[in-house]
Every structure is written in structure tokens, then in C-alpha cells.
Amino acid sequence: MTNTDFIIGAYPCAPSFHQKGEQEEQAFWRELSDTPHIRGLEQPCLENLHPLGDEWLFRHTPGDWQIVVTAVMETMRRRGLNGAFGLASADEDQRKACVEFYRHLHQKIDAVNSRFPGKVIALEMQAAPQAGNACVDRATEAFSRSIREIAGWDWSCDLVLEHCDAMTGPSPRKGFLPLEQVLEVVKETDISLCINWARSAIEGRNTTLPLEHVKAALRAGKLGALMFSGTTAQGEYGEWQDLHAPFSSFCAESLMTPEQAEALFTAASAATLKFSGIKLLEINANADVSHRIAILRDGISALNKATR
């Protein structure tokens, strides 16, 4: 395993994502563990790092795999209950509730890294504003307060802000803070930026904005990671949805090609990336384990081509 290997957001392909049984889940992680070019996993943390618990995940994955924890899944789950939840929320109670969730992540990461030094290499944060509040200035000010607090804690991993499609874009999917404001807020911190291909493409409703976002983060000296999820203009993965479509080599409707990944890696070669990888979704809830694994192996193959 080397740092040229990839971080795999495998959880949207896992049987547990579709509430399947433990036997299928074990088979999935066993096959993934036998897959080359994996540095580790991008894992969401709700209460735990896996629906069956932290110990289950550690027991069924290679000990040398590292973890990038993402806050996005629990952020979206909580926003489903209260649209004001988020680090960039102008609703002070819900902003504080989100900061408390990050305190839980801090404790979880500390506990993992105490047991397995260097296991969690980064936390992916998201700048979620209050849903329905279109005021970018208020969201930016709220985000700045959250970041000042969170960045002041003693972290045992890197902090990386994952840019999601902006509240200023056409009919936003996530509708989070625009890149310009994010870069301004993290300017004086050690927090770097992760550009996710789909989330930038969705913002621009085009395939050129991801590269522009990479260049903007580079100019600011803040590019820290690249993640590749796809999006489609039609088909089962929807119209410009944030549903982690596979590469075009696996899903004909996908707008994300290995050539586009190569363009981002070429631009990013001016930066020292903390990690790069894929997050892909098995759209068919009844797909078998081999199809779920095939999506991820195709994604790894695409990244290998892109980084040659």
C-alpha cells in the first residue's frame, strides 16, 4: 500500500446501505479487502463508523487500511429532521448542535487513533447553511464562527473541507457555501479543500467547473484532496443528482470520464494531496455483491489510468 493508492467511499455500494443482511455485508468487505490499490476507506460516522459497529468494521477490513471520516451522511440525515442543521447555519441553536456533532467526531477519531495510531488520516467537513436562507453573508459568518471553534481543538488527523454544490447554483442539490466564501473562511487555518468531481459539476450543470474549482483551490494554496463521484443528465442516476454515479466506463450515462479525472490530477500535481479516491453508489438495491464490487473496481481502474 502506498499513498498513490486510493481512498474508497465504498459504503454506498455496500449491502448494508440497502439494509441487507450481515452475510452479504461480510462477503462484500471480504471481496473489497482482496482488491488492489486501496489505501483505505471513506466512512461516514453517525453514532459509529459502520451500521454494525466500529469493531465489526475493524474486524472485516485489513488492519493497514486508513480511514477518512466524512460528516456528510449524518449532516444530511439531521437536515432531513431539521433543515437548519449545519456548520454554516444562521440558526444559532442548530449551528451549535452541528458543532456538538463535530465534538462527537473528534472524540471518535481520538479513540480510534489512540488504539490504532495514524488510522484516521482526515475528517471531511461540509459547510451546510440553513436551508431556505439564501443570504450567503449570514451563512459565511456562521460558518466562520463554527470553524474558529472546531479548528481550535486538538485534532489527531487532518481537517479537509469537502466542497458541495453551492447555494447560489441553479436548483441546488446540497446548496452549501460557495467555494469563494469557503476559501476565505479557511484562509488562516490548517484546513484544506477537497474537490469532489460530481458536486462541482452539479453546481455548474457542466463538466468544466470541477477543473475550475481545482485551480481556484490551488491558487489559494488550499487544495488537499480529490474525490470522484459521478453524475448524469438522464437515466437511473437521475438528472444532475448527487447520487455518486460510476465512471462512464461502467455507466453509459455518466458524465464523469477517466479523461476528466486525469485533467484534475494533472492540475493537482502542483499540490501535495493528502488523499484521492472514489465514492460510488450501487443504484440497484437488489444488486448482488459481485456487481457492487465491480463498480468500485472499475472506479479504481479509472483512477489508475488517470494517474499514470
C-alpha atoms as a PDB file:
ATOM      1  CA  MET A   1       0.000   0.000   0.000  1.00  0.00           C
ATOM      2  CA  THR A   2       1.317   3.445  -0.940  1.00  0.00           C
ATOM      3  CA  ASN A   3      -0.018   6.976  -0.889  1.00  0.00           C
ATOM      4  CA  THR A   4      -0.633   6.631  -4.616  1.00  0.00           C
ATOM      5  CA  ASP A   5      -3.305   4.083  -3.678  1.00  0.00           C
ATOM      6  CA  PHE A   6      -6.848   5.344  -3.214  1.00  0.00           C
ATOM      7  CA  ILE A   7      -9.379   6.097  -0.522  1.00  0.00           C
ATOM      8  CA  ILE A   8     -12.598   4.239  -1.361  1.00  0.00           C
ATOM      9  CA  GLY A   9     -16.013   5.540  -0.375  1.00  0.00           C
ATOM     10  CA  ALA A  10     -17.404   2.017  -0.570  1.00  0.00           C
ATOM     11  CA  TYR A  11     -20.330   2.423   1.820  1.00  0.00           C
ATOM     12  CA  PRO A  12     -22.915   3.450  -0.868  1.00  0.00           C
ATOM     13  CA  CYS A  13     -22.089   0.175  -2.668  1.00  0.00           C
ATOM     14  CA  ALA A  14     -22.223  -1.948   0.498  1.00  0.00           C
ATOM     15  CA  PRO A  15     -25.243  -4.228   1.052  1.00  0.00           C
ATOM     16  CA  SER A  16     -25.826  -2.516   4.434  1.00  0.00           C
ATOM     17  CA  PHE A  17     -26.585   0.709   2.539  1.00  0.00           C
ATOM     18  CA  HIS A  18     -29.683  -1.121   1.295  1.00  0.00           C
ATOM     19  CA  GLN A  19     -30.388  -2.765   4.691  1.00  0.00           C
ATOM     20  CA  LYS A  20     -29.239  -6.221   3.533  1.00  0.00           C
ATOM     21  CA  GLY A  21     -28.104  -8.920   5.944  1.00  0.00           C
ATOM     22  CA  GLU A  22     -24.761  -9.435   7.655  1.00  0.00           C
ATOM     23  CA  GLN A  23     -23.809 -12.410   5.471  1.00  0.00           C
ATOM     24  CA  GLU A  24     -23.920 -10.292   2.297  1.00  0.00           C
ATOM     25  CA  GLU A  25     -22.110  -7.486   4.103  1.00  0.00           C
ATOM     26  CA  GLN A  26     -19.294  -9.849   5.111  1.00  0.00           C
ATOM     27  CA  ALA A  27     -18.958 -11.146   1.555  1.00  0.00           C
ATOM     28  CA  PHE A  28     -18.779  -7.555   0.243  1.00  0.00           C
ATOM     29  CA  TRP A  29     -15.981  -6.477   2.590  1.00  0.00           C
ATOM     30  CA  ARG A  30     -14.102  -9.748   2.036  1.00  0.00           C
ATOM     31  CA  GLU A  31     -14.046  -9.145  -1.737  1.00  0.00           C
ATOM     32  CA  LEU A  32     -13.150  -5.491  -1.302  1.00  0.00           C
ATOM     33  CA  SER A  33     -10.289  -6.455   1.016  1.00  0.00           C
ATOM     34  CA  ASP A  34      -8.849  -8.605  -1.799  1.00  0.00           C
ATOM     35  CA  THR A  35      -8.870  -5.642  -4.216  1.00  0.00           C
ATOM     36  CA  PRO A  36      -5.520  -3.995  -5.028  1.00  0.00           C
ATOM     37  CA  HIS A  37      -4.702  -0.247  -4.996  1.00  0.00           C
ATOM     38  CA  ILE A  38      -6.776   0.534  -1.891  1.00  0.00           C
ATOM     39  CA  ARG A  39      -5.169   2.767   0.713  1.00  0.00           C
ATOM     40  CA  GLY A  40      -8.269   2.796   2.868  1.00  0.00           C
ATOM     41  CA  LEU A  41     -11.874   3.892   3.239  1.00  0.00           C
ATOM     42  CA  GLU A  42     -14.002   6.985   3.321  1.00  0.00           C
ATOM     43  CA  GLN A  43     -16.503   6.147   6.061  1.00  0.00           C
ATOM     44  CA  PRO A  44     -19.449   8.168   7.361  1.00  0.00           C
ATOM     45  CA  CYS A  45     -19.737   8.437  11.116  1.00  0.00           C
ATOM     46  CA  LEU A  46     -23.210   8.568  12.610  1.00  0.00           C
ATOM     47  CA  GLU A  47     -23.082   7.064  16.085  1.00  0.00           C
ATOM     48  CA  ASN A  48     -20.428   4.656  14.775  1.00  0.00           C
ATOM     49  CA  LEU A  49     -18.265   4.162  11.680  1.00  0.00           C
ATOM     50  CA  HIS A  50     -20.393   1.264  10.409  1.00  0.00           C
ATOM     51  CA  PRO A  51     -24.045   0.222  10.900  1.00  0.00           C
ATOM     52  CA  LEU A  52     -22.814  -2.957  12.650  1.00  0.00           C
ATOM     53  CA  GLY A  53     -20.371  -1.008  14.829  1.00  0.00           C
ATOM     54  CA  ASP A  54     -16.733   0.084  14.811  1.00  0.00           C
ATOM     55  CA  GLU A  55     -15.427  -3.316  15.929  1.00  0.00           C
ATOM     56  CA  TRP A  56     -17.244  -5.047  13.086  1.00  0.00           C
ATOM     57  CA  LEU A  57     -15.584  -2.735  10.528  1.00  0.00           C
ATOM     58  CA  PHE A  58     -12.102  -3.209  12.004  1.00  0.00           C
ATOM     59  CA  ARG A  59     -12.585  -6.983  12.122  1.00  0.00           C
ATOM     60  CA  HIS A  60     -13.659  -7.244   8.463  1.00  0.00           C
ATOM     61  CA  THR A  61     -11.151  -4.879   6.824  1.00  0.00           C
ATOM     62  CA  PRO A  62      -7.345  -5.005   6.530  1.00  0.00           C
ATOM     63  CA  GLY A  63      -5.513  -3.582   9.536  1.00  0.00           C
ATOM     64  CA  ASP A  64      -3.289  -1.380   7.373  1.00  0.00           C
ATOM     65  CA  TRP A  65      -6.217   0.397   5.693  1.00  0.00           C
ATOM     66  CA  GLN A  66      -6.550   4.027   6.742  1.00  0.00           C
ATOM     67  CA  ILE A  67      -9.813   5.926   7.164  1.00  0.00           C
ATOM     68  CA  VAL A  68     -11.119   9.300   6.040  1.00  0.00           C
ATOM     69  CA  VAL A  69     -14.181  10.075   8.147  1.00  0.00           C
ATOM     70  CA  THR A  70     -16.912  12.088   6.408  1.00  0.00           C
ATOM     71  CA  ALA A  71     -19.560  14.104   8.221  1.00  0.00           C
ATOM     72  CA  VAL A  72     -21.826  14.339   5.173  1.00  0.00           C
ATOM     73  CA  MET A  73     -24.182  11.414   5.799  1.00  0.00           C
ATOM     74  CA  GLU A  74     -25.119  12.394   9.342  1.00  0.00           C
ATOM     75  CA  THR A  75     -25.291  16.078   8.330  1.00  0.00           C
ATOM     76  CA  MET A  76     -27.847  15.189   5.634  1.00  0.00           C
ATOM     77  CA  ARG A  77     -29.748  12.840   7.972  1.00  0.00           C
ATOM     78  CA  ARG A  78     -30.081  15.591  10.592  1.00  0.00           C
ATOM     79  CA  ARG A  79     -31.047  18.142   7.937  1.00  0.00           C
ATOM     80  CA  GLY A  80     -33.848  15.777   6.965  1.00  0.00           C
ATOM     81  CA  LEU A  81     -35.192  16.269  10.502  1.00  0.00           C
ATOM     82  CA  ASN A  82     -34.323  19.986  10.734  1.00  0.00           C
ATOM     83  CA  GLY A  83     -33.200  21.886   7.621  1.00  0.00           C
ATOM     84  CA  ALA A  84     -31.371  24.445   9.759  1.00  0.00           C
ATOM     85  CA  PHE A  85     -28.748  21.938  10.975  1.00  0.00           C
ATOM     86  CA  GLY A  86     -25.231  22.758   9.749  1.00  0.00           C
ATOM     87  CA  LEU A  87     -21.895  24.435  10.451  1.00  0.00           C
ATOM     88  CA  ALA A  88     -22.900  27.409   8.271  1.00  0.00           C
ATOM     89  CA  SER A  89     -26.403  27.738   9.699  1.00  0.00           C
ATOM     90  CA  ALA A  90     -27.653  31.179  10.715  1.00  0.00           C
ATOM     91  CA  ASP A  91     -29.948  29.357  13.182  1.00  0.00           C
ATOM     92  CA  GLU A  92     -27.683  29.561  16.239  1.00  0.00           C
ATOM     93  CA  ASP A  93     -29.184  26.572  18.071  1.00  0.00           C
ATOM     94  CA  GLN A  94     -28.802  24.310  15.042  1.00  0.00           C
ATOM     95  CA  ARG A  95     -25.303  25.634  14.325  1.00  0.00           C
ATOM     96  CA  LYS A  96     -24.315  24.763  17.905  1.00  0.00           C
ATOM     97  CA  ALA A  97     -25.978  21.340  17.552  1.00  0.00           C
ATOM     98  CA  CYS A  98     -23.796  20.723  14.491  1.00  0.00           C
ATOM     99  CA  VAL A  99     -20.651  21.838  16.348  1.00  0.00           C
ATOM    100  CA  GLU A 100     -21.595  19.306  19.058  1.00  0.00           C
ATOM    101  CA  PHE A 101     -21.835  16.600  16.386  1.00  0.00           C
ATOM    102  CA  TYR A 102     -18.275  17.516  15.350  1.00  0.00           C
ATOM    103  CA  ARG A 103     -17.267  17.169  19.004  1.00  0.00           C
ATOM    104  CA  HIS A 104     -18.590  13.588  18.815  1.00  0.00           C
ATOM    105  CA  LEU A 105     -16.475  13.066  15.665  1.00  0.00           C
ATOM    106  CA  HIS A 106     -13.447  14.489  17.478  1.00  0.00           C
ATOM    107  CA  GLN A 107     -13.909  12.011  20.341  1.00  0.00           C
ATOM    108  CA  LYS A 108     -14.490   9.103  17.939  1.00  0.00           C
ATOM    109  CA  ILE A 109     -11.378   9.901  15.879  1.00  0.00           C
ATOM    110  CA  ASP A 110      -9.287  10.354  19.034  1.00  0.00           C
ATOM    111  CA  ALA A 111     -10.431   6.964  20.348  1.00  0.00           C
ATOM    112  CA  VAL A 112      -9.624   5.200  17.044  1.00  0.00           C
ATOM    113  CA  ASN A 113      -6.227   6.872  16.658  1.00  0.00           C
ATOM    114  CA  SER A 114      -5.323   6.083  20.284  1.00  0.00           C
ATOM    115  CA  ARG A 115      -5.904   2.386  19.563  1.00  0.00           C
ATOM    116  CA  PHE A 116      -4.535   2.367  16.017  1.00  0.00           C
ATOM    117  CA  PRO A 117      -2.088   5.284  15.595  1.00  0.00           C
ATOM    118  CA  GLY A 118      -2.485   7.001  12.211  1.00  0.00           C
ATOM    119  CA  LYS A 119      -5.646   5.035  11.325  1.00  0.00           C
ATOM    120  CA  VAL A 120      -7.874   8.076  10.710  1.00  0.00           C
ATOM    121  CA  ILE A 121      -5.944  10.414   8.417  1.00  0.00           C
ATOM    122  CA  ALA A 122      -8.582  13.079   7.786  1.00  0.00           C
ATOM    123  CA  LEU A 123     -12.063  14.362   8.580  1.00  0.00           C
ATOM    124  CA  GLU A 124     -14.134  15.659   5.660  1.00  0.00           C
ATOM    125  CA  MET A 125     -16.259  18.584   6.844  1.00  0.00           C
ATOM    126  CA  GLN A 126     -19.114  20.285   4.977  1.00  0.00           C
ATOM    127  CA  ALA A 127     -20.251  23.928   5.081  1.00  0.00           C
ATOM    128  CA  ALA A 128     -24.007  23.406   5.365  1.00  0.00           C
ATOM    129  CA  PRO A 129     -26.083  26.600   5.657  1.00  0.00           C
ATOM    130  CA  GLN A 130     -29.623  26.894   6.940  1.00  0.00           C
ATOM    131  CA  ALA A 131     -31.994  25.519   4.292  1.00  0.00           C
ATOM    132  CA  GLY A 132     -34.178  28.240   2.808  1.00  0.00           C
ATOM    133  CA  ASN A 133     -31.884  31.082   3.927  1.00  0.00           C
ATOM    134  CA  ALA A 134     -30.403  32.483   0.706  1.00  0.00           C
ATOM    135  CA  CYS A 135     -28.152  35.007   2.492  1.00  0.00           C
ATOM    136  CA  VAL A 136     -24.578  33.976   1.703  1.00  0.00           C
ATOM    137  CA  ASP A 137     -23.136  36.604   4.087  1.00  0.00           C
ATOM    138  CA  ARG A 138     -25.046  35.261   7.099  1.00  0.00           C
ATOM    139  CA  ALA A 139     -24.098  31.677   6.226  1.00  0.00           C
ATOM    140  CA  THR A 140     -20.439  32.682   5.828  1.00  0.00           C
ATOM    141  CA  GLU A 141     -20.396  34.462   9.168  1.00  0.00           C
ATOM    142  CA  ALA A 142     -21.969  31.424  10.885  1.00  0.00           C
ATOM    143  CA  PHE A 143     -19.501  29.069   9.218  1.00  0.00           C
ATOM    144  CA  SER A 144     -16.603  31.269  10.309  1.00  0.00           C
ATOM    145  CA  ARG A 145     -17.702  31.016  13.959  1.00  0.00           C
ATOM    146  CA  SER A 146     -18.026  27.223  13.718  1.00  0.00           C
ATOM    147  CA  ILE A 147     -14.606  26.876  12.122  1.00  0.00           C
ATOM    148  CA  ARG A 148     -12.901  29.108  14.677  1.00  0.00           C
ATOM    149  CA  GLU A 149     -14.183  26.815  17.421  1.00  0.00           C
ATOM    150  CA  ILE A 150     -13.575  23.446  15.741  1.00  0.00           C
ATOM    151  CA  ALA A 151     -10.127  24.343  14.382  1.00  0.00           C
ATOM    152  CA  GLY A 152      -9.103  25.234  17.938  1.00  0.00           C
ATOM    153  CA  TRP A 153      -9.499  21.650  19.147  1.00  0.00           C
ATOM    154  CA  ASP A 154      -6.508  19.310  19.227  1.00  0.00           C
ATOM    155  CA  TRP A 155      -7.059  17.006  16.235  1.00  0.00           C
ATOM    156  CA  SER A 156      -5.168  13.760  15.604  1.00  0.00           C
ATOM    157  CA  CYS A 157      -5.975  13.935  11.865  1.00  0.00           C
ATOM    158  CA  ASP A 158      -6.104  16.497   9.042  1.00  0.00           C
ATOM    159  CA  LEU A 159      -9.221  18.633   8.579  1.00  0.00           C
ATOM    160  CA  VAL A 160     -10.466  18.840   4.996  1.00  0.00           C
ATOM    161  CA  LEU A 161     -13.474  20.857   3.828  1.00  0.00           C
ATOM    162  CA  GLU A 162     -15.345  18.976   1.102  1.00  0.00           C
ATOM    163  CA  HIS A 163     -16.895  21.463  -1.302  1.00  0.00           C
ATOM    164  CA  CYS A 164     -20.506  20.627  -2.194  1.00  0.00           C
ATOM    165  CA  ASP A 165     -22.623  22.341  -4.837  1.00  0.00           C
ATOM    166  CA  ALA A 166     -23.302  25.930  -3.792  1.00  0.00           C
ATOM    167  CA  MET A 167     -26.497  27.576  -2.561  1.00  0.00           C
ATOM    168  CA  THR A 168     -26.039  30.078  -5.421  1.00  0.00           C
ATOM    169  CA  GLY A 169     -26.184  27.410  -8.164  1.00  0.00           C
ATOM    170  CA  PRO A 170     -29.237  26.582 -10.331  1.00  0.00           C
ATOM    171  CA  SER A 171     -31.709  24.434  -8.314  1.00  0.00           C
ATOM    172  CA  PRO A 172     -29.022  23.243  -5.859  1.00  0.00           C
ATOM    173  CA  ARG A 173     -28.871  19.650  -4.591  1.00  0.00           C
ATOM    174  CA  LYS A 174     -26.866  20.209  -1.398  1.00  0.00           C
ATOM    175  CA  GLY A 175     -26.870  24.016  -1.663  1.00  0.00           C
ATOM    176  CA  PHE A 176     -23.921  24.618   0.661  1.00  0.00           C
ATOM    177  CA  LEU A 177     -21.493  27.539   0.935  1.00  0.00           C
ATOM    178  CA  PRO A 178     -19.909  28.798  -2.328  1.00  0.00           C
ATOM    179  CA  LEU A 179     -16.232  27.974  -2.865  1.00  0.00           C
ATOM    180  CA  GLU A 180     -15.089  31.598  -2.720  1.00  0.00           C
ATOM    181  CA  GLN A 181     -16.541  32.053   0.776  1.00  0.00           C
ATOM    182  CA  VAL A 182     -15.214  28.687   1.983  1.00  0.00           C
ATOM    183  CA  LEU A 183     -11.697  29.621   0.844  1.00  0.00           C
ATOM    184  CA  GLU A 184     -11.972  32.962   2.613  1.00  0.00           C
ATOM    185  CA  VAL A 185     -13.055  31.368   5.914  1.00  0.00           C
ATOM    186  CA  VAL A 186     -10.337  28.668   5.975  1.00  0.00           C
ATOM    187  CA  LYS A 187      -7.593  31.026   4.731  1.00  0.00           C
ATOM    188  CA  GLU A 188      -5.894  31.450   8.118  1.00  0.00           C
ATOM    189  CA  THR A 189      -6.396  27.816   9.239  1.00  0.00           C
ATOM    190  CA  ASP A 190      -4.733  24.459   8.519  1.00  0.00           C
ATOM    191  CA  ILE A 191      -7.938  23.265   6.834  1.00  0.00           C
ATOM    192  CA  SER A 192      -7.534  22.328   3.167  1.00  0.00           C
ATOM    193  CA  LEU A 193     -10.132  21.715   0.435  1.00  0.00           C
ATOM    194  CA  CYS A 194     -11.400  18.510  -1.136  1.00  0.00           C
ATOM    195  CA  ILE A 195     -12.908  18.929  -4.587  1.00  0.00           C
ATOM    196  CA  ASN A 196     -15.498  16.239  -5.365  1.00  0.00           C
ATOM    197  CA  TRP A 197     -15.985  15.941  -9.142  1.00  0.00           C
ATOM    198  CA  ALA A 198     -19.766  15.468  -9.142  1.00  0.00           C
ATOM    199  CA  ARG A 199     -20.510  18.103  -6.521  1.00  0.00           C
ATOM    200  CA  SER A 200     -18.726  20.748  -8.592  1.00  0.00           C
ATOM    201  CA  ALA A 201     -20.225  19.507 -11.884  1.00  0.00           C
ATOM    202  CA  ILE A 202     -23.719  19.625 -10.344  1.00  0.00           C
ATOM    203  CA  GLU A 203     -23.131  23.202  -9.203  1.00  0.00           C
ATOM    204  CA  GLY A 204     -22.256  24.356 -12.734  1.00  0.00           C
ATOM    205  CA  ARG A 205     -24.536  21.910 -14.568  1.00  0.00           C
ATOM    206  CA  ASN A 206     -21.449  21.261 -16.692  1.00  0.00           C
ATOM    207  CA  THR A 207     -18.306  19.110 -16.731  1.00  0.00           C
ATOM    208  CA  THR A 208     -15.838  22.023 -16.722  1.00  0.00           C
ATOM    209  CA  LEU A 209     -16.457  23.508 -13.255  1.00  0.00           C
ATOM    210  CA  PRO A 210     -14.635  20.698 -11.360  1.00  0.00           C
ATOM    211  CA  LEU A 211     -11.341  21.669 -13.036  1.00  0.00           C
ATOM    212  CA  GLU A 212     -12.014  25.378 -12.403  1.00  0.00           C
ATOM    213  CA  HIS A 213     -12.624  24.597  -8.718  1.00  0.00           C
ATOM    214  CA  VAL A 214      -9.373  22.608  -8.510  1.00  0.00           C
ATOM    215  CA  LYS A 215      -7.494  25.573  -9.990  1.00  0.00           C
ATOM    216  CA  ALA A 216      -9.188  28.038  -7.604  1.00  0.00           C
ATOM    217  CA  ALA A 217      -8.240  25.896  -4.595  1.00  0.00           C
ATOM    218  CA  LEU A 218      -4.691  25.612  -5.960  1.00  0.00           C
ATOM    219  CA  ARG A 219      -4.388  29.384  -6.389  1.00  0.00           C
ATOM    220  CA  ALA A 220      -5.451  29.790  -2.765  1.00  0.00           C
ATOM    221  CA  GLY A 221      -2.828  27.219  -1.704  1.00  0.00           C
ATOM    222  CA  LYS A 222      -5.641  25.099  -0.247  1.00  0.00           C
ATOM    223  CA  LEU A 223      -6.059  22.033  -2.469  1.00  0.00           C
ATOM    224  CA  GLY A 224      -5.807  18.993  -0.176  1.00  0.00           C
ATOM    225  CA  ALA A 225      -7.778  16.142  -1.783  1.00  0.00           C
ATOM    226  CA  LEU A 226      -9.702  14.941  -4.834  1.00  0.00           C
ATOM    227  CA  MET A 227     -12.710  12.640  -4.692  1.00  0.00           C
ATOM    228  CA  PHE A 228     -14.525  11.246  -7.719  1.00  0.00           C
ATOM    229  CA  SER A 229     -18.282  10.711  -7.745  1.00  0.00           C
ATOM    230  CA  GLY A 230     -20.203  10.915 -10.993  1.00  0.00           C
ATOM    231  CA  THR A 231     -23.460  12.491 -12.075  1.00  0.00           C
ATOM    232  CA  THR A 232     -25.759  12.024 -15.068  1.00  0.00           C
ATOM    233  CA  ALA A 233     -28.106  14.178 -17.148  1.00  0.00           C
ATOM    234  CA  GLN A 234     -30.518  11.245 -17.551  1.00  0.00           C
ATOM    235  CA  GLY A 235     -31.042   7.578 -16.702  1.00  0.00           C
ATOM    236  CA  GLU A 236     -31.390   5.716 -13.425  1.00  0.00           C
ATOM    237  CA  TYR A 237     -28.951   8.016 -11.602  1.00  0.00           C
ATOM    238  CA  GLY A 238     -31.263  10.962 -12.381  1.00  0.00           C
ATOM    239  CA  GLU A 239     -30.785  14.458 -13.776  1.00  0.00           C
ATOM    240  CA  TRP A 240     -27.777  16.211 -12.193  1.00  0.00           C
ATOM    241  CA  GLN A 241     -28.365  14.346  -8.933  1.00  0.00           C
ATOM    242  CA  ASP A 242     -25.758  13.815  -6.212  1.00  0.00           C
ATOM    243  CA  LEU A 243     -26.082  10.026  -6.425  1.00  0.00           C
ATOM    244  CA  HIS A 244     -22.419   9.034  -6.893  1.00  0.00           C
ATOM    245  CA  ALA A 245     -22.794   7.540 -10.386  1.00  0.00           C
ATOM    246  CA  PRO A 246     -19.906   5.300 -11.520  1.00  0.00           C
ATOM    247  CA  PHE A 247     -17.455   6.335 -14.245  1.00  0.00           C
ATOM    248  CA  SER A 248     -18.642   6.358 -17.883  1.00  0.00           C
ATOM    249  CA  SER A 249     -16.665   3.127 -18.373  1.00  0.00           C
ATOM    250  CA  PHE A 250     -19.243   1.371 -16.165  1.00  0.00           C
ATOM    251  CA  CYS A 251     -22.367   3.543 -16.535  1.00  0.00           C
ATOM    252  CA  ALA A 252     -23.056   4.736 -20.082  1.00  0.00           C
ATOM    253  CA  GLU A 253     -24.994   7.839 -18.939  1.00  0.00           C
ATOM    254  CA  SER A 254     -22.267   9.029 -16.575  1.00  0.00           C
ATOM    255  CA  LEU A 255     -20.718  12.406 -17.400  1.00  0.00           C
ATOM    256  CA  MET A 256     -17.555  11.530 -15.448  1.00  0.00           C
ATOM    257  CA  THR A 257     -14.826  10.032 -17.662  1.00  0.00           C
ATOM    258  CA  PRO A 258     -11.314   8.784 -16.856  1.00  0.00           C
ATOM    259  CA  GLU A 259     -10.033  11.646 -19.076  1.00  0.00           C
ATOM    260  CA  GLN A 260     -11.731  14.222 -16.833  1.00  0.00           C
ATOM    261  CA  ALA A 261     -10.180  12.593 -13.780  1.00  0.00           C
ATOM    262  CA  GLU A 262      -6.797  12.778 -15.493  1.00  0.00           C
ATOM    263  CA  ALA A 263      -7.269  16.525 -16.132  1.00  0.00           C
ATOM    264  CA  LEU A 264      -7.920  17.100 -12.417  1.00  0.00           C
ATOM    265  CA  PHE A 265      -4.919  15.018 -11.356  1.00  0.00           C
ATOM    266  CA  THR A 266      -2.704  16.828 -13.869  1.00  0.00           C
ATOM    267  CA  ALA A 267      -3.759  20.209 -12.446  1.00  0.00           C
ATOM    268  CA  ALA A 268      -3.446  18.922  -8.876  1.00  0.00           C
ATOM    269  CA  SER A 269       0.144  17.747  -9.420  1.00  0.00           C
ATOM    270  CA  ALA A 270       1.175  21.253  -8.302  1.00  0.00           C
ATOM    271  CA  ALA A 271      -0.188  20.404  -4.829  1.00  0.00           C
ATOM    272  CA  THR A 272       0.625  17.704  -2.281  1.00  0.00           C
ATOM    273  CA  LEU A 273      -2.660  15.830  -1.927  1.00  0.00           C
ATOM    274  CA  LYS A 274      -3.480  14.263   1.416  1.00  0.00           C
ATOM    275  CA  PHE A 275      -5.620  11.657  -0.366  1.00  0.00           C
ATOM    276  CA  SER A 276      -7.609  10.955  -3.510  1.00  0.00           C
ATOM    277  CA  GLY A 277     -10.272   8.403  -4.297  1.00  0.00           C
ATOM    278  CA  ILE A 278     -13.798   7.451  -5.303  1.00  0.00           C
ATOM    279  CA  LYS A 279     -17.265   7.398  -3.761  1.00  0.00           C
ATOM    280  CA  LEU A 280     -19.688   5.429  -5.947  1.00  0.00           C
ATOM    281  CA  LEU A 281     -23.244   4.163  -5.454  1.00  0.00           C
ATOM    282  CA  GLU A 282     -24.912   0.894  -6.403  1.00  0.00           C
ATOM    283  CA  ILE A 283     -28.292   2.276  -7.535  1.00  0.00           C
ATOM    284  CA  ASN A 284     -29.974  -1.158  -7.622  1.00  0.00           C
ATOM    285  CA  ALA A 285     -30.936  -2.174  -4.072  1.00  0.00           C
ATOM    286  CA  ASN A 286     -31.122  -5.832  -5.128  1.00  0.00           C
ATOM    287  CA  ALA A 287     -27.751  -5.995  -6.876  1.00  0.00           C
ATOM    288  CA  ASP A 288     -25.528  -8.891  -5.881  1.00  0.00           C
ATOM    289  CA  VAL A 289     -22.168  -8.469  -4.159  1.00  0.00           C
ATOM    290  CA  SER A 290     -20.162  -9.071  -7.347  1.00  0.00           C
ATOM    291  CA  HIS A 291     -21.911  -6.170  -9.130  1.00  0.00           C
ATOM    292  CA  ARG A 292     -21.354  -3.876  -6.136  1.00  0.00           C
ATOM    293  CA  ILE A 293     -17.645  -4.752  -6.114  1.00  0.00           C
ATOM    294  CA  ALA A 294     -17.402  -4.402  -9.933  1.00  0.00           C
ATOM    295  CA  ILE A 295     -18.479  -0.736  -9.683  1.00  0.00           C
ATOM    296  CA  LEU A 296     -15.665   0.003  -7.225  1.00  0.00           C
ATOM    297  CA  ARG A 297     -13.029  -1.973  -9.129  1.00  0.00           C
ATOM    298  CA  ASP A 298     -13.939  -0.116 -12.310  1.00  0.00           C
ATOM    299  CA  GLY A 299     -13.551   3.181 -10.421  1.00  0.00           C
ATOM    300  CA  ILE A 300     -10.132   2.151  -9.105  1.00  0.00           C
ATOM    301  CA  SER A 301      -9.117   1.144 -12.637  1.00  0.00           C
ATOM    302  CA  ALA A 302     -10.241   4.565 -13.957  1.00  0.00           C
ATOM    303  CA  LEU A 303      -8.148   6.357 -11.313  1.00  0.00           C
ATOM    304  CA  ASN A 304      -5.141   4.166 -12.093  1.00  0.00           C
ATOM    305  CA  LYS A 305      -5.430   5.218 -15.755  1.00  0.00           C
ATOM    306  CA  ALA A 306      -5.887   8.865 -14.750  1.00  0.00           C
ATOM    307  CA  THR A 307      -2.776   8.922 -12.562  1.00  0.00           C
ATOM    308  CA  ARG A 308      -0.386   7.025 -14.855  1.00  0.00           C
END
